[in-house]
Amino acid sequence: MNSGQNSHALPPTYSPAEVASALDCSEWWVKEQARRRRIPFMRSGSGYRFTRDHVAEIFQILEERPDKANASPGNVATTRRRTRVTSQEPVVQLRARRPRRARNAA
């Protein structure tokens, strides 16, 4: 088939290894994500194949944007503080148990 001459040519497909090198990850990771149906793919007789649209969608899925709350410079992140719970019941101190191996040996 002459690529580029026929207007009805099939779109090029990429192997998991090619997608992995574009994503800078392992081929195993790409195959595992496809197997778990977390990324778009096409299955052919030779395994998983990816079109240009699939790869663009994978990049979009993996893209992370900053939170809108943290985007404004006036917003300062607050640290989490422990709240003291006041109750009438006495506080029980927890103690670690001896490892099972040590308990069975005695």
PDB file of N, CA and C in Angstrom:
ATOM      1  N   MET A   1       0.848  -1.166   0.000  1.00  0.00           N
ATOM      2  CA  MET A   1       0.000   0.000   0.000  1.00  0.00           C
ATOM      3  C   MET A   1       0.895   1.231   0.000  1.00  0.00           C
ATOM      4  N   ASN A   2       0.636   2.168  -0.841  1.00  0.00           N
ATOM      5  CA  ASN A   2       1.421   3.398  -0.916  1.00  0.00           C
ATOM      6  C   ASN A   2       0.921   4.381   0.116  1.00  0.00           C
ATOM      7  N   SER A   3       1.755   4.678   1.097  1.00  0.00           N
ATOM      8  CA  SER A   3       1.321   5.617   2.125  1.00  0.00           C
ATOM      9  C   SER A   3       1.455   7.037   1.604  1.00  0.00           C
ATOM     10  N   GLY A   4       0.453   7.856   1.832  1.00  0.00           N
ATOM     11  CA  GLY A   4       0.477   9.236   1.417  1.00  0.00           C
ATOM     12  C   GLY A   4      -0.161   9.473   0.065  1.00  0.00           C
ATOM     13  N   GLN A   5      -0.214   8.484  -0.810  1.00  0.00           N
ATOM     14  CA  GLN A   5      -0.804   8.668  -2.127  1.00  0.00           C
ATOM     15  C   GLN A   5      -2.291   8.396  -2.139  1.00  0.00           C
ATOM     16  N   ASN A   6      -2.731   7.468  -1.320  1.00  0.00           N
ATOM     17  CA  ASN A   6      -4.139   7.102  -1.278  1.00  0.00           C
ATOM     18  C   ASN A   6      -4.843   7.945  -0.221  1.00  0.00           C
ATOM     19  N   SER A   7      -5.945   8.614  -0.584  1.00  0.00           N
ATOM     20  CA  SER A   7      -6.646   9.453   0.380  1.00  0.00           C
ATOM     21  C   SER A   7      -7.403   8.618   1.408  1.00  0.00           C
ATOM     22  N   HIS A   8      -7.596   7.333   1.140  1.00  0.00           N
ATOM     23  CA  HIS A   8      -8.316   6.454   2.060  1.00  0.00           C
ATOM     24  C   HIS A   8      -7.360   5.555   2.832  1.00  0.00           C
ATOM     25  N   ALA A   9      -6.135   5.997   2.981  1.00  0.00           N
ATOM     26  CA  ALA A   9      -5.135   5.197   3.688  1.00  0.00           C
ATOM     27  C   ALA A   9      -5.520   5.083   5.164  1.00  0.00           C
ATOM     28  N   LEU A  10      -5.178   3.969   5.743  1.00  0.00           N
ATOM     29  CA  LEU A  10      -5.442   3.745   7.159  1.00  0.00           C
ATOM     30  C   LEU A  10      -4.520   4.618   7.998  1.00  0.00           C
ATOM     31  N   PRO A  11      -4.990   5.043   9.179  1.00  0.00           N
ATOM     32  CA  PRO A  11      -4.108   5.845  10.027  1.00  0.00           C
ATOM     33  C   PRO A  11      -2.971   4.981  10.571  1.00  0.00           C
ATOM     34  N   PRO A  12      -1.820   5.580  10.791  1.00  0.00           N
ATOM     35  CA  PRO A  12      -0.711   4.786  11.332  1.00  0.00           C
ATOM     36  C   PRO A  12      -1.020   4.365  12.766  1.00  0.00           C
ATOM     37  N   THR A  13      -0.551   3.202  13.136  1.00  0.00           N
ATOM     38  CA  THR A  13      -0.723   2.737  14.514  1.00  0.00           C
ATOM     39  C   THR A  13       0.650   2.593  15.146  1.00  0.00           C
ATOM     40  N   TYR A  14       0.647   2.677  16.472  1.00  0.00           N
ATOM     41  CA  TYR A  14       1.894   2.622  17.226  1.00  0.00           C
ATOM     42  C   TYR A  14       1.872   1.428  18.166  1.00  0.00           C
ATOM     43  N   SER A  15       3.033   0.862  18.385  1.00  0.00           N
ATOM     44  CA  SER A  15       3.162  -0.275  19.292  1.00  0.00           C
ATOM     45  C   SER A  15       3.242   0.230  20.726  1.00  0.00           C
ATOM     46  N   PRO A  16       3.034  -0.661  21.702  1.00  0.00           N
ATOM     47  CA  PRO A  16       3.203  -0.254  23.100  1.00  0.00           C
ATOM     48  C   PRO A  16       4.613   0.278  23.394  1.00  0.00           C
ATOM     49  N   ALA A  17       5.614  -0.253  22.724  1.00  0.00           N
ATOM     50  CA  ALA A  17       6.982   0.220  22.944  1.00  0.00           C
ATOM     51  C   ALA A  17       7.143   1.657  22.471  1.00  0.00           C
ATOM     52  N   GLU A  18       6.530   2.001  21.340  1.00  0.00           N
ATOM     53  CA  GLU A  18       6.621   3.373  20.828  1.00  0.00           C
ATOM     54  C   GLU A  18       5.872   4.350  21.735  1.00  0.00           C
ATOM     55  N   VAL A  19       4.705   3.928  22.220  1.00  0.00           N
ATOM     56  CA  VAL A  19       3.935   4.777  23.131  1.00  0.00           C
ATOM     57  C   VAL A  19       4.698   4.947  24.442  1.00  0.00           C
ATOM     58  N   ALA A  20       5.314   3.861  24.917  1.00  0.00           N
ATOM     59  CA  ALA A  20       6.075   3.923  26.165  1.00  0.00           C
ATOM     60  C   ALA A  20       7.251   4.894  26.043  1.00  0.00           C
ATOM     61  N   SER A  21       7.922   4.892  24.908  1.00  0.00           N
ATOM     62  CA  SER A  21       9.049   5.821  24.762  1.00  0.00           C
ATOM     63  C   SER A  21       8.545   7.259  24.691  1.00  0.00           C
ATOM     64  N   ALA A  22       7.370   7.498  24.108  1.00  0.00           N
ATOM     65  CA  ALA A  22       6.801   8.852  24.068  1.00  0.00           C
ATOM     66  C   ALA A  22       6.394   9.311  25.464  1.00  0.00           C
ATOM     67  N   LEU A  23       5.906   8.377  26.280  1.00  0.00           N
ATOM     68  CA  LEU A  23       5.458   8.708  27.638  1.00  0.00           C
ATOM     69  C   LEU A  23       6.589   8.640  28.658  1.00  0.00           C
ATOM     70  N   ASP A  24       7.736   8.141  28.236  1.00  0.00           N
ATOM     71  CA  ASP A  24       8.883   7.947  29.125  1.00  0.00           C
ATOM     72  C   ASP A  24       8.528   7.005  30.276  1.00  0.00           C
ATOM     73  N   CYS A  25       7.954   5.862  29.912  1.00  0.00           N
ATOM     74  CA  CYS A  25       7.611   4.835  30.895  1.00  0.00           C
ATOM     75  C   CYS A  25       7.936   3.479  30.289  1.00  0.00           C
ATOM     76  N   SER A  26       7.613   2.417  30.998  1.00  0.00           N
ATOM     77  CA  SER A  26       7.933   1.086  30.500  1.00  0.00           C
ATOM     78  C   SER A  26       6.827   0.556  29.587  1.00  0.00           C
ATOM     79  N   GLU A  27       7.225  -0.321  28.717  1.00  0.00           N
ATOM     80  CA  GLU A  27       6.266  -0.977  27.823  1.00  0.00           C
ATOM     81  C   GLU A  27       5.263  -1.784  28.633  1.00  0.00           C
ATOM     82  N   TRP A  28       5.731  -2.394  29.720  1.00  0.00           N
ATOM     83  CA  TRP A  28       4.841  -3.175  30.582  1.00  0.00           C
ATOM     84  C   TRP A  28       3.727  -2.297  31.131  1.00  0.00           C
ATOM     85  N   TRP A  29       4.060  -1.065  31.555  1.00  0.00           N
ATOM     86  CA  TRP A  29       3.058  -0.165  32.125  1.00  0.00           C
ATOM     87  C   TRP A  29       1.974   0.156  31.096  1.00  0.00           C
ATOM     88  N   VAL A  30       2.379   0.418  29.862  1.00  0.00           N
ATOM     89  CA  VAL A  30       1.408   0.733  28.803  1.00  0.00           C
ATOM     90  C   VAL A  30       0.484  -0.458  28.573  1.00  0.00           C
ATOM     91  N   LYS A  31       1.051  -1.653  28.492  1.00  0.00           N
ATOM     92  CA  LYS A  31       0.227  -2.851  28.273  1.00  0.00           C
ATOM     93  C   LYS A  31      -0.705  -3.102  29.456  1.00  0.00           C
ATOM     94  N   GLU A  32      -0.212  -2.884  30.659  1.00  0.00           N
ATOM     95  CA  GLU A  32      -1.030  -3.106  31.859  1.00  0.00           C
ATOM     96  C   GLU A  32      -2.194  -2.119  31.912  1.00  0.00           C
ATOM     97  N   GLN A  33      -1.944  -0.851  31.577  1.00  0.00           N
ATOM     98  CA  GLN A  33      -3.021   0.147  31.583  1.00  0.00           C
ATOM     99  C   GLN A  33      -4.058  -0.181  30.515  1.00  0.00           C
ATOM    100  N   ALA A  34      -3.613  -0.673  29.366  1.00  0.00           N
ATOM    101  CA  ALA A  34      -4.552  -1.071  28.315  1.00  0.00           C
ATOM    102  C   ALA A  34      -5.351  -2.300  28.755  1.00  0.00           C
ATOM    103  N   ARG A  35      -4.667  -3.243  29.372  1.00  0.00           N
ATOM    104  CA  ARG A  35      -5.348  -4.460  29.835  1.00  0.00           C
ATOM    105  C   ARG A  35      -6.424  -4.124  30.855  1.00  0.00           C
ATOM    106  N   ARG A  36      -6.138  -3.158  31.739  1.00  0.00           N
ATOM    107  CA  ARG A  36      -7.113  -2.759  32.756  1.00  0.00           C
ATOM    108  C   ARG A  36      -8.119  -1.731  32.243  1.00  0.00           C
ATOM    109  N   ARG A  37      -8.023  -1.419  30.948  1.00  0.00           N
ATOM    110  CA  ARG A  37      -8.940  -0.493  30.278  1.00  0.00           C
ATOM    111  C   ARG A  37      -8.890   0.914  30.860  1.00  0.00           C
ATOM    112  N   ARG A  38      -7.709   1.356  31.239  1.00  0.00           N
ATOM    113  CA  ARG A  38      -7.522   2.704  31.775  1.00  0.00           C
ATOM    114  C   ARG A  38      -7.111   3.692  30.691  1.00  0.00           C
ATOM    115  N   ILE A  39      -6.590   3.180  29.582  1.00  0.00           N
ATOM    116  CA  ILE A  39      -6.216   4.033  28.461  1.00  0.00           C
ATOM    117  C   ILE A  39      -6.847   3.462  27.192  1.00  0.00           C
ATOM    118  N   PRO A  40      -7.124   4.313  26.201  1.00  0.00           N
ATOM    119  CA  PRO A  40      -7.731   3.819  24.959  1.00  0.00           C
ATOM    120  C   PRO A  40      -6.711   3.041  24.128  1.00  0.00           C
ATOM    121  N   PHE A  41      -7.183   2.036  23.432  1.00  0.00           N
ATOM    122  CA  PHE A  41      -6.311   1.215  22.599  1.00  0.00           C
ATOM    123  C   PHE A  41      -7.156   0.506  21.562  1.00  0.00           C
ATOM    124  N   MET A  42      -6.462  -0.181  20.685  1.00  0.00           N
ATOM    125  CA  MET A  42      -7.107  -0.997  19.666  1.00  0.00           C
ATOM    126  C   MET A  42      -6.415  -2.352  19.720  1.00  0.00           C
ATOM    127  N   ARG A  43      -7.172  -3.409  19.709  1.00  0.00           N
ATOM    128  CA  ARG A  43      -6.563  -4.735  19.780  1.00  0.00           C
ATOM    129  C   ARG A  43      -6.542  -5.333  18.384  1.00  0.00           C
ATOM    130  N   SER A  44      -5.377  -5.770  17.988  1.00  0.00           N
ATOM    131  CA  SER A  44      -5.242  -6.440  16.702  1.00  0.00           C
ATOM    132  C   SER A  44      -4.645  -7.820  16.940  1.00  0.00           C
ATOM    133  N   GLY A  45      -4.411  -8.534  15.890  1.00  0.00           N
ATOM    134  CA  GLY A  45      -3.855  -9.877  16.019  1.00  0.00           C
ATOM    135  C   GLY A  45      -2.496  -9.885  16.694  1.00  0.00           C
ATOM    136  N   SER A  46      -1.774  -8.772  16.588  1.00  0.00           N
ATOM    137  CA  SER A  46      -0.432  -8.739  17.168  1.00  0.00           C
ATOM    138  C   SER A  46      -0.407  -8.113  18.557  1.00  0.00           C
ATOM    139  N   GLY A  47      -1.559  -7.847  19.134  1.00  0.00           N
ATOM    140  CA  GLY A  47      -1.588  -7.283  20.487  1.00  0.00           C
ATOM    141  C   GLY A  47      -2.218  -5.911  20.499  1.00  0.00           C
ATOM    142  N   TYR A  48      -1.755  -5.071  21.420  1.00  0.00           N
ATOM    143  CA  TYR A  48      -2.293  -3.727  21.571  1.00  0.00           C
ATOM    144  C   TYR A  48      -1.676  -2.799  20.532  1.00  0.00           C
ATOM    145  N   ARG A  49      -2.502  -1.964  19.931  1.00  0.00           N
ATOM    146  CA  ARG A  49      -2.045  -0.946  18.998  1.00  0.00           C
ATOM    147  C   ARG A  49      -2.708   0.365  19.363  1.00  0.00           C
ATOM    148  N   PHE A  50      -2.055   1.470  19.055  1.00  0.00           N
ATOM    149  CA  PHE A  50      -2.538   2.790  19.430  1.00  0.00           C
ATOM    150  C   PHE A  50      -2.496   3.716  18.222  1.00  0.00           C
ATOM    151  N   THR A  51      -3.572   4.464  17.999  1.00  0.00           N
ATOM    152  CA  THR A  51      -3.593   5.455  16.934  1.00  0.00           C
ATOM    153  C   THR A  51      -3.100   6.784  17.486  1.00  0.00           C
ATOM    154  N   ARG A  52      -2.944   7.746  16.603  1.00  0.00           N
ATOM    155  CA  ARG A  52      -2.510   9.081  17.023  1.00  0.00           C
ATOM    156  C   ARG A  52      -3.527   9.680  17.990  1.00  0.00           C
ATOM    157  N   ASP A  53      -4.825   9.470  17.731  1.00  0.00           N
ATOM    158  CA  ASP A  53      -5.869   9.976  18.624  1.00  0.00           C
ATOM    159  C   ASP A  53      -5.805   9.314  19.995  1.00  0.00           C
ATOM    160  N   HIS A  54      -5.507   8.008  20.014  1.00  0.00           N
ATOM    161  CA  HIS A  54      -5.369   7.304  21.291  1.00  0.00           C
ATOM    162  C   HIS A  54      -4.240   7.917  22.117  1.00  0.00           C
ATOM    163  N   VAL A  55      -3.097   8.154  21.471  1.00  0.00           N
ATOM    164  CA  VAL A  55      -1.940   8.690  22.186  1.00  0.00           C
ATOM    165  C   VAL A  55      -2.256  10.093  22.713  1.00  0.00           C
ATOM    166  N   ALA A  56      -2.933  10.905  21.901  1.00  0.00           N
ATOM    167  CA  ALA A  56      -3.311  12.252  22.356  1.00  0.00           C
ATOM    168  C   ALA A  56      -4.242  12.176  23.558  1.00  0.00           C
ATOM    169  N   GLU A  57      -5.177  11.212  23.545  1.00  0.00           N
ATOM    170  CA  GLU A  57      -6.100  11.051  24.678  1.00  0.00           C
ATOM    171  C   GLU A  57      -5.375  10.541  25.916  1.00  0.00           C
ATOM    172  N   ILE A  58      -4.383   9.682  25.725  1.00  0.00           N
ATOM    173  CA  ILE A  58      -3.600   9.182  26.861  1.00  0.00           C
ATOM    174  C   ILE A  58      -2.854  10.342  27.515  1.00  0.00           C
ATOM    175  N   PHE A  59      -2.268  11.217  26.696  1.00  0.00           N
ATOM    176  CA  PHE A  59      -1.591  12.394  27.245  1.00  0.00           C
ATOM    177  C   PHE A  59      -2.575  13.251  28.026  1.00  0.00           C
ATOM    178  N   GLN A  60      -3.796  13.388  27.516  1.00  0.00           N
ATOM    179  CA  GLN A  60      -4.805  14.186  28.202  1.00  0.00           C
ATOM    180  C   GLN A  60      -5.218  13.539  29.522  1.00  0.00           C
ATOM    181  N   ILE A  61      -5.327  12.212  29.543  1.00  0.00           N
ATOM    182  CA  ILE A  61      -5.705  11.494  30.766  1.00  0.00           C
ATOM    183  C   ILE A  61      -4.633  11.679  31.837  1.00  0.00           C
ATOM    184  N   LEU A  62      -3.369  11.630  31.422  1.00  0.00           N
ATOM    185  CA  LEU A  62      -2.268  11.693  32.377  1.00  0.00           C
ATOM    186  C   LEU A  62      -1.905  13.119  32.784  1.00  0.00           C
ATOM    187  N   GLU A  63      -2.454  14.094  32.091  1.00  0.00           N
ATOM    188  CA  GLU A  63      -2.128  15.491  32.392  1.00  0.00           C
ATOM    189  C   GLU A  63      -2.717  15.897  33.737  1.00  0.00           C
ATOM    190  N   GLU A  64      -1.940  16.638  34.513  1.00  0.00           N
ATOM    191  CA  GLU A  64      -2.408  17.146  35.797  1.00  0.00           C
ATOM    192  C   GLU A  64      -2.359  18.660  35.762  1.00  0.00           C
ATOM    193  N   ARG A  65      -3.435  19.270  36.204  1.00  0.00           N
ATOM    194  CA  ARG A  65      -3.542  20.720  36.250  1.00  0.00           C
ATOM    195  C   ARG A  65      -3.475  21.168  37.699  1.00  0.00           C
ATOM    196  N   PRO A  66      -2.995  22.388  37.941  1.00  0.00           N
ATOM    197  CA  PRO A  66      -2.976  22.886  39.323  1.00  0.00           C
ATOM    198  C   PRO A  66      -4.398  23.127  39.806  1.00  0.00           C
ATOM    199  N   ASP A  67      -4.586  22.986  41.112  1.00  0.00           N
ATOM    200  CA  ASP A  67      -5.892  23.237  41.701  1.00  0.00           C
ATOM    201  C   ASP A  67      -6.220  24.713  41.571  1.00  0.00           C
ATOM    202  N   LYS A  68      -7.487  25.012  41.335  1.00  0.00           N
ATOM    203  CA  LYS A  68      -7.899  26.404  41.242  1.00  0.00           C
ATOM    204  C   LYS A  68      -7.722  27.114  42.575  1.00  0.00           C
ATOM    205  N   ALA A  69      -7.881  26.400  43.667  1.00  0.00           N
ATOM    206  CA  ALA A  69      -7.729  26.990  44.994  1.00  0.00           C
ATOM    207  C   ALA A  69      -6.282  27.410  45.233  1.00  0.00           C
ATOM    208  N   ASN A  70      -5.340  26.663  44.690  1.00  0.00           N
ATOM    209  CA  ASN A  70      -3.926  26.962  44.905  1.00  0.00           C
ATOM    210  C   ASN A  70      -3.353  27.871  43.821  1.00  0.00           C
ATOM    211  N   ALA A  71      -4.130  28.161  42.772  1.00  0.00           N
ATOM    212  CA  ALA A  71      -3.620  28.935  41.653  1.00  0.00           C
ATOM    213  C   ALA A  71      -3.461  30.413  41.986  1.00  0.00           C
ATOM    214  N   SER A  72      -4.338  30.963  42.813  1.00  0.00           N
ATOM    215  CA  SER A  72      -4.258  32.387  43.108  1.00  0.00           C
ATOM    216  C   SER A  72      -3.142  32.649  44.112  1.00  0.00           C
ATOM    217  N   PRO A  73      -2.354  33.734  43.909  1.00  0.00           N
ATOM    218  CA  PRO A  73      -1.217  33.989  44.802  1.00  0.00           C
ATOM    219  C   PRO A  73      -1.635  34.414  46.201  1.00  0.00           C
ATOM    220  N   GLY A  74      -2.851  34.937  46.373  1.00  0.00           N
ATOM    221  CA  GLY A  74      -3.303  35.376  47.690  1.00  0.00           C
ATOM    222  C   GLY A  74      -3.705  34.231  48.595  1.00  0.00           C
ATOM    223  N   ASN A  75      -3.891  33.046  48.037  1.00  0.00           N
ATOM    224  CA  ASN A  75      -4.316  31.890  48.817  1.00  0.00           C
ATOM    225  C   ASN A  75      -3.103  31.199  49.416  1.00  0.00           C
ATOM    226  N   VAL A  76      -3.021  31.165  50.698  1.00  0.00           N
ATOM    227  CA  VAL A  76      -1.923  30.487  51.375  1.00  0.00           C
ATOM    228  C   VAL A  76      -2.466  29.187  51.936  1.00  0.00           C
ATOM    229  N   ALA A  77      -1.762  28.109  51.681  1.00  0.00           N
ATOM    230  CA  ALA A  77      -2.216  26.809  52.164  1.00  0.00           C
ATOM    231  C   ALA A  77      -2.126  26.764  53.682  1.00  0.00           C
ATOM    232  N   THR A  78      -3.175  26.329  54.302  1.00  0.00           N
ATOM    233  CA  THR A  78      -3.164  26.225  55.755  1.00  0.00           C
ATOM    234  C   THR A  78      -2.736  24.833  56.155  1.00  0.00           C
ATOM    235  N   THR A  79      -2.079  24.749  57.291  1.00  0.00           N
ATOM    236  CA  THR A  79      -1.670  23.443  57.786  1.00  0.00           C
ATOM    237  C   THR A  79      -2.803  22.845  58.590  1.00  0.00           C
ATOM    238  N   ARG A  80      -2.866  21.569  58.591  1.00  0.00           N
ATOM    239  CA  ARG A  80      -3.914  20.873  59.320  1.00  0.00           C
ATOM    240  C   ARG A  80      -3.558  20.806  60.789  1.00  0.00           C
ATOM    241  N   ARG A  81      -4.491  21.128  61.618  1.00  0.00           N
ATOM    242  CA  ARG A  81      -4.245  21.093  63.057  1.00  0.00           C
ATOM    243  C   ARG A  81      -5.127  20.041  63.699  1.00  0.00           C
ATOM    244  N   ARG A  82      -4.607  19.455  64.725  1.00  0.00           N
ATOM    245  CA  ARG A  82      -5.409  18.483  65.469  1.00  0.00           C
ATOM    246  C   ARG A  82      -6.409  19.216  66.331  1.00  0.00           C
ATOM    247  N   THR A  83      -7.599  18.719  66.320  1.00  0.00           N
ATOM    248  CA  THR A  83      -8.607  19.305  67.203  1.00  0.00           C
ATOM    249  C   THR A  83      -8.713  18.432  68.436  1.00  0.00           C
ATOM    250  N   ARG A  84      -8.776  19.048  69.548  1.00  0.00           N
ATOM    251  CA  ARG A  84      -8.858  18.296  70.791  1.00  0.00           C
ATOM    252  C   ARG A  84     -10.313  17.932  71.043  1.00  0.00           C
ATOM    253  N   VAL A  85     -10.549  16.638  71.186  1.00  0.00           N
ATOM    254  CA  VAL A  85     -11.893  16.152  71.450  1.00  0.00           C
ATOM    255  C   VAL A  85     -12.070  16.055  72.954  1.00  0.00           C
ATOM    256  N   THR A  86     -13.057  16.732  73.429  1.00  0.00           N
ATOM    257  CA  THR A  86     -13.317  16.659  74.861  1.00  0.00           C
ATOM    258  C   THR A  86     -14.442  15.663  75.094  1.00  0.00           C
ATOM    259  N   SER A  87     -14.137  14.648  75.865  1.00  0.00           N
ATOM    260  CA  SER A  87     -15.154  13.658  76.203  1.00  0.00           C
ATOM    261  C   SER A  87     -15.020  13.306  77.679  1.00  0.00           C
ATOM    262  N   GLN A  88     -16.036  12.681  78.186  1.00  0.00           N
ATOM    263  CA  GLN A  88     -16.056  12.325  79.592  1.00  0.00           C
ATOM    264  C   GLN A  88     -15.359  10.998  79.861  1.00  0.00           C
ATOM    265  N   GLU A  89     -15.095  10.225  78.785  1.00  0.00           N
ATOM    266  CA  GLU A  89     -14.483   8.905  78.973  1.00  0.00           C
ATOM    267  C   GLU A  89     -12.975   9.050  79.154  1.00  0.00           C
ATOM    268  N   PRO A  90     -12.377   8.174  79.975  1.00  0.00           N
ATOM    269  CA  PRO A  90     -10.928   8.239  80.159  1.00  0.00           C
ATOM    270  C   PRO A  90     -10.198   7.799  78.880  1.00  0.00           C
ATOM    271  N   VAL A  91      -9.023   8.352  78.668  1.00  0.00           N
ATOM    272  CA  VAL A  91      -8.228   8.028  77.494  1.00  0.00           C
ATOM    273  C   VAL A  91      -7.410   6.780  77.800  1.00  0.00           C
ATOM    274  N   VAL A  92      -7.437   5.823  76.889  1.00  0.00           N
ATOM    275  CA  VAL A  92      -6.702   4.574  77.067  1.00  0.00           C
ATOM    276  C   VAL A  92      -5.449   4.635  76.205  1.00  0.00           C
ATOM    277  N   GLN A  93      -4.308   4.415  76.819  1.00  0.00           N
ATOM    278  CA  GLN A  93      -3.064   4.391  76.068  1.00  0.00           C
ATOM    279  C   GLN A  93      -2.934   3.046  75.370  1.00  0.00           C
ATOM    280  N   LEU A  94      -2.579   3.065  74.102  1.00  0.00           N
ATOM    281  CA  LEU A  94      -2.382   1.831  73.347  1.00  0.00           C
ATOM    282  C   LEU A  94      -0.953   1.354  73.508  1.00  0.00           C
ATOM    283  N   ARG A  95      -0.796   0.039  73.593  1.00  0.00           N
ATOM    284  CA  ARG A  95       0.534  -0.538  73.682  1.00  0.00           C
ATOM    285  C   ARG A  95       0.707  -1.514  72.533  1.00  0.00           C
ATOM    286  N   ALA A  96       1.902  -1.544  71.989  1.00  0.00           N
ATOM    287  CA  ALA A  96       2.192  -2.446  70.882  1.00  0.00           C
ATOM    288  C   ALA A  96       2.276  -3.878  71.389  1.00  0.00           C
ATOM    289  N   ARG A  97       1.757  -4.808  70.585  1.00  0.00           N
ATOM    290  CA  ARG A  97       1.872  -6.218  70.952  1.00  0.00           C
ATOM    291  C   ARG A  97       3.221  -6.746  70.506  1.00  0.00           C
ATOM    292  N   ARG A  98       3.653  -7.804  71.174  1.00  0.00           N
ATOM    293  CA  ARG A  98       4.875  -8.467  70.748  1.00  0.00           C
ATOM    294  C   ARG A  98       4.620  -9.136  69.409  1.00  0.00           C
ATOM    295  N   PRO A  99       5.633  -9.235  68.561  1.00  0.00           N
ATOM    296  CA  PRO A  99       5.447  -9.909  67.274  1.00  0.00           C
ATOM    297  C   PRO A  99       4.994 -11.346  67.474  1.00  0.00           C
ATOM    298  N   ARG A 100       4.199 -11.842  66.547  1.00  0.00           N
ATOM    299  CA  ARG A 100       3.645 -13.196  66.635  1.00  0.00           C
ATOM    300  C   ARG A 100       4.748 -14.236  66.762  1.00  0.00           C
ATOM    301  N   ARG A 101       5.847 -14.013  66.065  1.00  0.00           N
ATOM    302  CA  ARG A 101       6.963 -14.949  66.117  1.00  0.00           C
ATOM    303  C   ARG A 101       7.490 -15.066  67.530  1.00  0.00           C
ATOM    304  N   ALA A 102       7.603 -13.956  68.230  1.00  0.00           N
ATOM    305  CA  ALA A 102       8.111 -13.949  69.605  1.00  0.00           C
ATOM    306  C   ALA A 102       7.094 -14.556  70.558  1.00  0.00           C
ATOM    307  N   ARG A 103       5.809 -14.336  70.301  1.00  0.00           N
ATOM    308  CA  ARG A 103       4.774 -14.899  71.187  1.00  0.00           C
ATOM    309  C   ARG A 103       4.704 -16.418  71.068  1.00  0.00           C
ATOM    310  N   ASN A 104       4.867 -16.932  69.848  1.00  0.00           N
ATOM    311  CA  ASN A 104       4.785 -18.384  69.646  1.00  0.00           C
ATOM    312  C   ASN A 104       6.013 -19.112  70.160  1.00  0.00           C
ATOM    313  N   ALA A 105       7.129 -18.437  70.214  1.00  0.00           N
ATOM    314  CA  ALA A 105       8.362 -19.081  70.668  1.00  0.00           C
ATOM    315  C   ALA A 105       8.376 -19.268  72.184  1.00  0.00           C
ATOM    316  N   ALA A 106       7.660 -18.452  72.906  1.00  0.00           N
ATOM    317  CA  ALA A 106       7.682 -18.516  74.359  1.00  0.00           C
ATOM    318  C   ALA A 106       6.834 -19.616  74.908  1.00  0.00           C
TER     319      ALA A 106
END
